[in-house]
């Protein structure tokens, strides 16, 4: 189980870094751009066999470890919103 959790953490960070580089904000909230739901559809997650529940666990672990933070972003209309970001950049 520990190896799968570590893999989920790595996959989560890799996809978050790619999204951030592309300017795609994702959220920790279970609505809209919920990171685990979106990330579960990505090739990296599918190839690794990492499903949404594992990505939810990864997000929780990474937030608690402060490797991922909830930062501020703006939506397409310029309104402020919360967005996940990797501590120290990607």
Protein backbone atom coordinates (compact mmCIF):
# COMPACT_ATOMS: atom_id res chain seq x y z
CA UNK A 1 0.00 0.00 0.00
CA UNK A 2 2.82 2.43 0.83
CA UNK A 3 4.37 2.09 -2.61
CA UNK A 4 1.05 2.88 -4.30
CA UNK A 5 0.58 5.93 -2.06
CA UNK A 6 4.07 7.16 -2.90
CA UNK A 7 3.35 6.64 -6.60
CA UNK A 8 0.07 8.56 -6.24
CA UNK A 9 1.98 11.44 -4.59
CA UNK A 10 4.49 11.50 -7.46
CA UNK A 11 1.77 11.37 -10.11
CA UNK A 12 -0.19 14.13 -8.37
CA UNK A 13 2.87 16.39 -8.23
CA UNK A 14 3.83 15.67 -11.85
CA UNK A 15 0.36 16.47 -13.17
CA UNK A 16 0.05 19.56 -10.95
CA UNK A 17 3.40 20.83 -12.26
CA UNK A 18 2.24 20.30 -15.85
CA UNK A 19 -1.09 22.05 -15.21
CA UNK A 20 0.66 24.95 -13.48
CA UNK A 21 3.12 25.37 -16.36
CA UNK A 22 0.17 25.48 -18.76
CA UNK A 23 -1.63 28.08 -16.64
CA UNK A 24 -4.42 25.67 -15.66
CA UNK A 25 -5.55 26.26 -12.07
CA UNK A 26 -7.04 23.39 -10.08
CA UNK A 27 -8.77 23.35 -6.72
CA UNK A 28 -8.82 21.34 -3.52
CA UNK A 29 -12.60 21.88 -3.31
CA UNK A 30 -14.96 19.18 -4.60
CA UNK A 31 -16.52 21.34 -7.28
CA UNK A 32 -15.45 22.81 -10.56
CA UNK A 33 -11.76 22.17 -11.20
CA UNK A 34 -11.30 19.57 -8.44
CA UNK A 35 -7.72 18.36 -8.88
CA UNK A 36 -8.14 14.63 -8.09
CA UNK A 37 -11.11 14.29 -10.46
CA UNK A 38 -9.28 16.02 -13.31
CA UNK A 39 -5.95 14.29 -12.65
CA UNK A 40 -7.56 10.82 -12.64
CA UNK A 41 -8.37 11.35 -16.33
CA UNK A 42 -4.77 12.14 -17.28
CA UNK A 43 -2.49 9.66 -19.05
CA UNK A 44 0.05 9.54 -16.21
CA UNK A 45 -2.60 8.47 -13.70
CA UNK A 46 -4.23 5.95 -16.01
CA UNK A 47 -0.91 4.34 -16.97
CA UNK A 48 0.09 4.08 -13.30
CA UNK A 49 -3.31 2.69 -12.29
CA UNK A 50 -3.89 5.62 -9.92
CA UNK A 51 -7.59 6.36 -9.42
CA UNK A 52 -9.37 9.39 -8.00
CA UNK A 53 -9.50 8.07 -4.41
CA UNK A 54 -5.71 7.57 -4.42
CA UNK A 55 -5.24 11.07 -5.84
CA UNK A 56 -7.50 12.46 -3.12
CA UNK A 57 -5.29 10.76 -0.53
CA UNK A 58 -2.20 12.12 -2.25
CA UNK A 59 -3.59 15.65 -2.22
CA UNK A 60 -4.40 15.37 1.49
CA UNK A 61 -0.93 14.02 2.33
CA UNK A 62 0.81 16.66 0.23
CA UNK A 63 -1.25 19.49 1.76
CA UNK A 64 -0.50 18.24 5.30
CA UNK A 65 3.20 17.95 4.46
CA UNK A 66 3.06 21.47 2.97
CA UNK A 67 4.51 20.23 -0.31
CA UNK A 68 1.34 21.58 -1.98
CA UNK A 69 -0.30 24.82 -0.90
CA UNK A 70 -3.59 26.54 -1.60
CA UNK A 71 -2.61 29.78 -3.28
CA UNK A 72 -4.49 32.59 -4.90
CA UNK A 73 -5.29 32.74 -8.59
CA UNK A 74 -7.75 34.53 -10.84
CA UNK A 75 -10.40 32.97 -13.01
CA UNK A 76 -11.01 33.93 -16.66
CA UNK A 77 -13.06 36.94 -15.54
CA UNK A 78 -10.35 38.16 -13.17
CA UNK A 79 -12.16 37.10 -10.00
CA UNK A 80 -9.97 35.75 -7.19
CA UNK A 81 -10.03 32.01 -6.53
CA UNK A 82 -8.05 29.39 -4.64
CA UNK A 83 -5.66 27.25 -6.65
CA UNK A 84 -3.27 24.45 -5.74
CA UNK A 85 0.43 25.14 -6.21
CA UNK A 86 3.63 23.28 -5.46
CA UNK A 87 5.63 24.70 -2.56
CA UNK A 88 8.69 26.43 -3.93
CA UNK A 89 7.49 26.18 -7.53
CA UNK A 90 7.73 23.23 -9.89
